[in-house]
Amino acid sequence: MSALQDLRVLVVENDEMSATLLQMQLVQGGAVVVGLAGSVDEALRLVEETVPQVALLDYKLARNQTSEPVAADLAARGIPFVLATGMAREQLPDAFRGGVVLTKPYLTVELNAALVRALQGQSANA
């Protein structure tokens, strides 16, 4: 059985193709994608409605938004998250400090490991 089996994951990614590919990777690993969000408002609504076990965030979203408000909301709710970005951890706003940073580009095995680390409460770089 996969470490991601039946794991409820919210994907916050504004690029539709990337979001679809992430969804396929996660489902293939046994996870259940509870929603795909491309904006802060949509992500916050889905966090409220779907109560994911973990979230996968892209840093930059549409309309010059970042996922910083989503990370802050997740942290306040005690929901772990993985931030996928090309930025160094030191460059990130404080709201992301509690998450696992997954450096782009990454392989599926690295994505899965980062999600497991987030669930275990480890906020180290992937």
N, C-alpha and C. Protein backbone atom coordinates (compact mmCIF):
# COMPACT_ATOMS: atom_id res chain seq x y z
N MET A 1 0.84 -1.19 0.00
CA MET A 1 0.00 0.00 0.00
C MET A 1 0.89 1.25 0.00
N SER A 2 0.51 2.23 -0.78
CA SER A 2 1.25 3.48 -0.90
C SER A 2 1.09 4.33 0.35
N ALA A 3 2.12 5.10 0.65
CA ALA A 3 2.06 6.03 1.79
C ALA A 3 1.00 7.10 1.57
N LEU A 4 0.62 7.31 0.31
CA LEU A 4 -0.39 8.32 -0.01
C LEU A 4 -1.80 7.74 -0.12
N GLN A 5 -1.96 6.46 0.13
CA GLN A 5 -3.25 5.79 -0.06
C GLN A 5 -4.36 6.51 0.70
N ASP A 6 -5.37 6.97 -0.04
CA ASP A 6 -6.56 7.63 0.49
C ASP A 6 -6.26 8.98 1.16
N LEU A 7 -5.08 9.52 0.96
CA LEU A 7 -4.73 10.82 1.52
C LEU A 7 -5.50 11.91 0.78
N ARG A 8 -6.18 12.77 1.51
CA ARG A 8 -6.98 13.86 0.92
C ARG A 8 -6.09 15.07 0.70
N VAL A 9 -5.84 15.39 -0.59
CA VAL A 9 -4.90 16.45 -0.96
C VAL A 9 -5.61 17.56 -1.72
N LEU A 10 -5.35 18.79 -1.33
CA LEU A 10 -5.79 19.96 -2.09
C LEU A 10 -4.61 20.46 -2.90
N VAL A 11 -4.82 20.70 -4.19
CA VAL A 11 -3.77 21.21 -5.07
C VAL A 11 -4.08 22.67 -5.40
N VAL A 12 -3.14 23.56 -5.09
CA VAL A 12 -3.29 24.98 -5.39
C VAL A 12 -2.24 25.34 -6.44
N GLU A 13 -2.71 25.44 -7.67
CA GLU A 13 -1.83 25.64 -8.83
C GLU A 13 -2.65 26.34 -9.91
N ASN A 14 -2.20 27.50 -10.39
CA ASN A 14 -2.99 28.25 -11.36
C ASN A 14 -2.81 27.77 -12.80
N ASP A 15 -1.77 27.04 -13.10
CA ASP A 15 -1.57 26.52 -14.45
C ASP A 15 -2.36 25.22 -14.59
N GLU A 16 -3.35 25.24 -15.49
CA GLU A 16 -4.25 24.09 -15.61
C GLU A 16 -3.53 22.80 -15.98
N MET A 17 -2.56 22.89 -16.88
CA MET A 17 -1.84 21.68 -17.28
C MET A 17 -1.03 21.12 -16.11
N SER A 18 -0.35 22.00 -15.39
CA SER A 18 0.42 21.55 -14.23
C SER A 18 -0.49 20.94 -13.17
N ALA A 19 -1.65 21.57 -12.94
CA ALA A 19 -2.59 21.06 -11.95
C ALA A 19 -3.10 19.67 -12.35
N THR A 20 -3.39 19.50 -13.62
CA THR A 20 -3.87 18.21 -14.11
C THR A 20 -2.79 17.14 -13.97
N LEU A 21 -1.56 17.49 -14.30
CA LEU A 21 -0.45 16.53 -14.15
C LEU A 21 -0.24 16.16 -12.68
N LEU A 22 -0.31 17.15 -11.80
CA LEU A 22 -0.18 16.87 -10.37
C LEU A 22 -1.30 15.95 -9.89
N GLN A 23 -2.50 16.23 -10.35
CA GLN A 23 -3.62 15.39 -9.97
C GLN A 23 -3.39 13.95 -10.40
N MET A 24 -2.92 13.76 -11.63
CA MET A 24 -2.64 12.41 -12.13
C MET A 24 -1.55 11.73 -11.29
N GLN A 25 -0.47 12.46 -10.96
CA GLN A 25 0.60 11.89 -10.14
C GLN A 25 0.07 11.46 -8.78
N LEU A 26 -0.72 12.32 -8.17
CA LEU A 26 -1.23 12.03 -6.83
C LEU A 26 -2.20 10.85 -6.84
N VAL A 27 -3.11 10.83 -7.79
CA VAL A 27 -4.07 9.73 -7.89
C VAL A 27 -3.34 8.42 -8.16
N GLN A 28 -2.34 8.46 -9.03
CA GLN A 28 -1.56 7.26 -9.30
C GLN A 28 -0.89 6.74 -8.03
N GLY A 29 -0.52 7.65 -7.12
CA GLY A 29 0.10 7.26 -5.85
C GLY A 29 -0.91 6.84 -4.80
N GLY A 30 -2.21 6.88 -5.14
CA GLY A 30 -3.23 6.44 -4.20
C GLY A 30 -3.97 7.55 -3.48
N ALA A 31 -3.56 8.80 -3.68
CA ALA A 31 -4.19 9.93 -3.00
C ALA A 31 -5.54 10.27 -3.63
N VAL A 32 -6.33 11.01 -2.88
CA VAL A 32 -7.61 11.54 -3.37
C VAL A 32 -7.45 13.05 -3.45
N VAL A 33 -7.55 13.60 -4.64
CA VAL A 33 -7.45 15.06 -4.82
C VAL A 33 -8.83 15.64 -4.55
N VAL A 34 -8.95 16.40 -3.46
CA VAL A 34 -10.25 16.94 -3.05
C VAL A 34 -10.60 18.22 -3.77
N GLY A 35 -9.63 18.82 -4.46
CA GLY A 35 -9.90 20.03 -5.21
C GLY A 35 -8.66 20.58 -5.88
N LEU A 36 -8.92 21.33 -6.95
CA LEU A 36 -7.87 22.06 -7.66
C LEU A 36 -8.24 23.53 -7.60
N ALA A 37 -7.34 24.35 -7.10
CA ALA A 37 -7.60 25.78 -6.98
C ALA A 37 -6.52 26.56 -7.71
N GLY A 38 -6.94 27.60 -8.44
CA GLY A 38 -5.99 28.43 -9.16
C GLY A 38 -5.82 29.82 -8.59
N SER A 39 -6.60 30.13 -7.55
CA SER A 39 -6.53 31.46 -6.94
C SER A 39 -6.63 31.34 -5.42
N VAL A 40 -6.28 32.41 -4.74
CA VAL A 40 -6.35 32.42 -3.28
C VAL A 40 -7.79 32.21 -2.81
N ASP A 41 -8.73 32.95 -3.38
CA ASP A 41 -10.13 32.83 -2.95
C ASP A 41 -10.65 31.41 -3.13
N GLU A 42 -10.36 30.83 -4.28
CA GLU A 42 -10.82 29.47 -4.55
C GLU A 42 -10.17 28.48 -3.59
N ALA A 43 -8.88 28.66 -3.32
CA ALA A 43 -8.18 27.76 -2.40
C ALA A 43 -8.75 27.86 -0.99
N LEU A 44 -8.99 29.08 -0.51
CA LEU A 44 -9.55 29.26 0.84
C LEU A 44 -10.94 28.64 0.95
N ARG A 45 -11.73 28.77 -0.11
CA ARG A 45 -13.06 28.17 -0.12
C ARG A 45 -12.95 26.64 -0.06
N LEU A 46 -12.04 26.07 -0.84
CA LEU A 46 -11.88 24.62 -0.86
C LEU A 46 -11.31 24.08 0.45
N VAL A 47 -10.44 24.83 1.10
CA VAL A 47 -9.93 24.40 2.41
C VAL A 47 -11.10 24.28 3.38
N GLU A 48 -11.97 25.27 3.35
CA GLU A 48 -13.14 25.28 4.23
C GLU A 48 -14.10 24.13 3.91
N GLU A 49 -14.37 23.92 2.62
CA GLU A 49 -15.37 22.94 2.21
C GLU A 49 -14.89 21.49 2.24
N THR A 50 -13.62 21.26 1.92
CA THR A 50 -13.15 19.89 1.75
C THR A 50 -12.30 19.37 2.90
N VAL A 51 -11.78 20.25 3.74
CA VAL A 51 -10.92 19.90 4.87
C VAL A 51 -9.87 18.85 4.45
N PRO A 52 -8.91 19.27 3.63
CA PRO A 52 -7.87 18.32 3.19
C PRO A 52 -6.96 17.91 4.35
N GLN A 53 -6.30 16.78 4.17
CA GLN A 53 -5.32 16.34 5.16
C GLN A 53 -3.98 17.02 4.93
N VAL A 54 -3.73 17.42 3.69
CA VAL A 54 -2.49 18.09 3.32
C VAL A 54 -2.77 18.89 2.04
N ALA A 55 -2.00 19.93 1.81
CA ALA A 55 -2.16 20.73 0.60
C ALA A 55 -0.82 20.86 -0.11
N LEU A 56 -0.90 20.94 -1.42
CA LEU A 56 0.27 21.17 -2.26
C LEU A 56 0.08 22.54 -2.89
N LEU A 57 0.97 23.47 -2.57
CA LEU A 57 0.85 24.86 -3.02
C LEU A 57 1.93 25.22 -4.02
N ASP A 58 1.53 25.93 -5.06
CA ASP A 58 2.49 26.61 -5.92
C ASP A 58 2.63 28.01 -5.33
N TYR A 59 3.81 28.60 -5.40
CA TYR A 59 4.01 29.91 -4.80
C TYR A 59 3.27 31.00 -5.57
N LYS A 60 3.50 31.09 -6.86
CA LYS A 60 2.90 32.14 -7.67
C LYS A 60 1.60 31.65 -8.28
N LEU A 61 0.54 32.46 -8.08
CA LEU A 61 -0.76 32.13 -8.63
C LEU A 61 -1.17 33.20 -9.65
N ALA A 62 -2.37 33.11 -10.15
CA ALA A 62 -2.86 34.05 -11.16
C ALA A 62 -3.00 35.47 -10.58
N ARG A 63 -3.05 36.42 -11.46
CA ARG A 63 -3.28 37.84 -11.12
C ARG A 63 -2.30 38.36 -10.07
N ASN A 64 -1.04 37.98 -10.21
CA ASN A 64 0.03 38.43 -9.30
C ASN A 64 -0.21 38.06 -7.84
N GLN A 65 -0.98 37.02 -7.61
CA GLN A 65 -1.20 36.53 -6.25
C GLN A 65 -0.11 35.53 -5.90
N THR A 66 0.12 35.37 -4.61
CA THR A 66 0.93 34.26 -4.12
C THR A 66 0.05 33.42 -3.20
N SER A 67 0.50 32.24 -2.88
CA SER A 67 -0.28 31.36 -2.01
C SER A 67 -0.03 31.64 -0.53
N GLU A 68 0.61 32.76 -0.22
CA GLU A 68 0.90 33.10 1.17
C GLU A 68 -0.35 33.11 2.07
N PRO A 69 -1.47 33.74 1.65
CA PRO A 69 -2.66 33.70 2.52
C PRO A 69 -3.19 32.28 2.73
N VAL A 70 -3.03 31.43 1.74
CA VAL A 70 -3.47 30.04 1.85
C VAL A 70 -2.60 29.30 2.86
N ALA A 71 -1.28 29.51 2.78
CA ALA A 71 -0.36 28.88 3.73
C ALA A 71 -0.68 29.32 5.16
N ALA A 72 -0.98 30.61 5.34
CA ALA A 72 -1.30 31.11 6.68
C ALA A 72 -2.59 30.48 7.20
N ASP A 73 -3.59 30.34 6.33
CA ASP A 73 -4.86 29.72 6.72
C ASP A 73 -4.66 28.25 7.07
N LEU A 74 -3.91 27.54 6.25
CA LEU A 74 -3.64 26.13 6.53
C LEU A 74 -2.92 25.97 7.86
N ALA A 75 -1.91 26.80 8.10
CA ALA A 75 -1.16 26.72 9.35
C ALA A 75 -2.08 26.97 10.55
N ALA A 76 -2.97 27.96 10.42
CA ALA A 76 -3.88 28.28 11.52
C ALA A 76 -4.84 27.11 11.80
N ARG A 77 -5.15 26.33 10.77
CA ARG A 77 -6.04 25.19 10.93
C ARG A 77 -5.29 23.91 11.28
N GLY A 78 -3.96 23.96 11.29
CA GLY A 78 -3.17 22.78 11.60
C GLY A 78 -3.10 21.79 10.45
N ILE A 79 -3.30 22.28 9.22
CA ILE A 79 -3.23 21.42 8.04
C ILE A 79 -1.85 21.57 7.42
N PRO A 80 -1.09 20.50 7.32
CA PRO A 80 0.26 20.59 6.76
C PRO A 80 0.22 20.89 5.26
N PHE A 81 1.32 21.47 4.77
CA PHE A 81 1.38 21.77 3.34
C PHE A 81 2.79 21.63 2.81
N VAL A 82 2.84 21.44 1.48
CA VAL A 82 4.09 21.41 0.74
C VAL A 82 4.04 22.59 -0.22
N LEU A 83 5.10 23.36 -0.26
CA LEU A 83 5.21 24.48 -1.19
C LEU A 83 6.18 24.09 -2.29
N ALA A 84 5.68 24.05 -3.53
CA ALA A 84 6.52 23.75 -4.69
C ALA A 84 6.96 25.08 -5.30
N THR A 85 8.26 25.31 -5.34
CA THR A 85 8.77 26.58 -5.82
C THR A 85 10.22 26.45 -6.27
N GLY A 86 10.65 27.40 -7.05
CA GLY A 86 12.05 27.49 -7.43
C GLY A 86 12.81 28.42 -6.50
N MET A 87 12.11 29.05 -5.56
CA MET A 87 12.73 29.99 -4.63
C MET A 87 13.42 29.25 -3.48
N ALA A 88 14.46 29.87 -2.97
CA ALA A 88 15.14 29.32 -1.79
C ALA A 88 14.29 29.60 -0.55
N ARG A 89 14.34 28.70 0.41
CA ARG A 89 13.57 28.85 1.65
C ARG A 89 13.79 30.23 2.30
N GLU A 90 15.02 30.72 2.26
CA GLU A 90 15.35 32.00 2.90
C GLU A 90 14.64 33.18 2.23
N GLN A 91 14.22 33.03 0.98
CA GLN A 91 13.55 34.10 0.24
C GLN A 91 12.04 34.12 0.48
N LEU A 92 11.52 33.10 1.11
CA LEU A 92 10.08 32.96 1.27
C LEU A 92 9.55 33.75 2.46
N PRO A 93 8.32 34.27 2.34
CA PRO A 93 7.68 34.94 3.48
C PRO A 93 7.51 33.97 4.65
N ASP A 94 7.36 34.52 5.83
CA ASP A 94 7.25 33.73 7.06
C ASP A 94 6.10 32.72 7.04
N ALA A 95 5.03 33.01 6.32
CA ALA A 95 3.86 32.12 6.29
C ALA A 95 4.22 30.71 5.80
N PHE A 96 5.32 30.60 5.05
CA PHE A 96 5.70 29.31 4.49
C PHE A 96 6.68 28.54 5.37
N ARG A 97 7.13 29.12 6.46
CA ARG A 97 8.15 28.50 7.30
C ARG A 97 7.73 27.15 7.88
N GLY A 98 6.44 26.97 8.10
CA GLY A 98 5.97 25.72 8.71
C GLY A 98 5.74 24.60 7.72
N GLY A 99 5.91 24.88 6.43
CA GLY A 99 5.67 23.86 5.42
C GLY A 99 6.94 23.22 4.93
N VAL A 100 6.77 22.20 4.14
CA VAL A 100 7.89 21.54 3.47
C VAL A 100 8.09 22.22 2.13
N VAL A 101 9.31 22.63 1.82
CA VAL A 101 9.61 23.27 0.54
C VAL A 101 10.14 22.21 -0.42
N LEU A 102 9.46 22.09 -1.55
CA LEU A 102 9.82 21.16 -2.60
C LEU A 102 10.36 21.98 -3.77
N THR A 103 11.63 21.81 -4.07
CA THR A 103 12.29 22.61 -5.09
C THR A 103 11.96 22.10 -6.49
N LYS A 104 11.49 23.01 -7.33
CA LYS A 104 11.20 22.70 -8.74
C LYS A 104 12.49 22.69 -9.53
N PRO A 105 12.60 21.88 -10.54
CA PRO A 105 11.71 20.78 -10.90
C PRO A 105 11.93 19.60 -9.97
N TYR A 106 10.94 18.74 -9.88
CA TYR A 106 11.02 17.59 -8.99
C TYR A 106 10.41 16.36 -9.65
N LEU A 107 10.76 15.21 -9.12
CA LEU A 107 10.23 13.93 -9.59
C LEU A 107 9.04 13.52 -8.72
N THR A 108 8.24 12.61 -9.21
CA THR A 108 7.09 12.11 -8.45
C THR A 108 7.52 11.55 -7.10
N VAL A 109 8.61 10.83 -7.06
CA VAL A 109 9.09 10.25 -5.80
C VAL A 109 9.43 11.35 -4.79
N GLU A 110 9.96 12.47 -5.27
CA GLU A 110 10.27 13.60 -4.39
C GLU A 110 9.00 14.28 -3.90
N LEU A 111 8.00 14.39 -4.77
CA LEU A 111 6.70 14.95 -4.38
C LEU A 111 6.08 14.09 -3.29
N ASN A 112 6.04 12.79 -3.51
CA ASN A 112 5.44 11.89 -2.52
C ASN A 112 6.17 11.95 -1.18
N ALA A 113 7.49 11.99 -1.23
CA ALA A 113 8.29 12.07 0.01
C ALA A 113 8.03 13.39 0.74
N ALA A 114 7.88 14.47 0.00
CA ALA A 114 7.61 15.78 0.62
C ALA A 114 6.24 15.77 1.30
N LEU A 115 5.25 15.16 0.68
CA LEU A 115 3.92 15.08 1.29
C LEU A 115 3.97 14.26 2.57
N VAL A 116 4.70 13.16 2.55
CA VAL A 116 4.83 12.33 3.76
C VAL A 116 5.53 13.12 4.86
N ARG A 117 6.60 13.85 4.50
CA ARG A 117 7.30 14.66 5.51
C ARG A 117 6.39 15.73 6.10
N ALA A 118 5.57 16.36 5.25
CA ALA A 118 4.64 17.38 5.74
C ALA A 118 3.67 16.75 6.75
N LEU A 119 3.16 15.58 6.44
CA LEU A 119 2.25 14.90 7.35
C LEU A 119 2.91 14.53 8.67
N GLN A 120 4.19 14.29 8.62
CA GLN A 120 4.94 13.92 9.82
C GLN A 120 5.41 15.16 10.60
N GLY A 121 5.09 16.33 10.07
CA GLY A 121 5.43 17.58 10.78
C GLY A 121 6.86 18.04 10.57
N GLN A 122 7.49 17.56 9.53
CA GLN A 122 8.88 17.96 9.25
C GLN A 122 8.85 19.09 8.23
N SER A 123 9.42 20.24 8.56
CA SER A 123 9.39 21.40 7.66
C SER A 123 10.76 21.66 7.03
N ALA A 124 11.39 20.61 6.56
CA ALA A 124 12.71 20.76 5.92
C ALA A 124 12.57 20.88 4.42
N ASN A 125 13.62 21.35 3.78
CA ASN A 125 13.65 21.40 2.32
C ASN A 125 13.60 20.00 1.76
N ALA A 126 12.94 19.88 0.62
CA ALA A 126 12.86 18.58 -0.06
C ALA A 126 14.04 18.43 -1.00
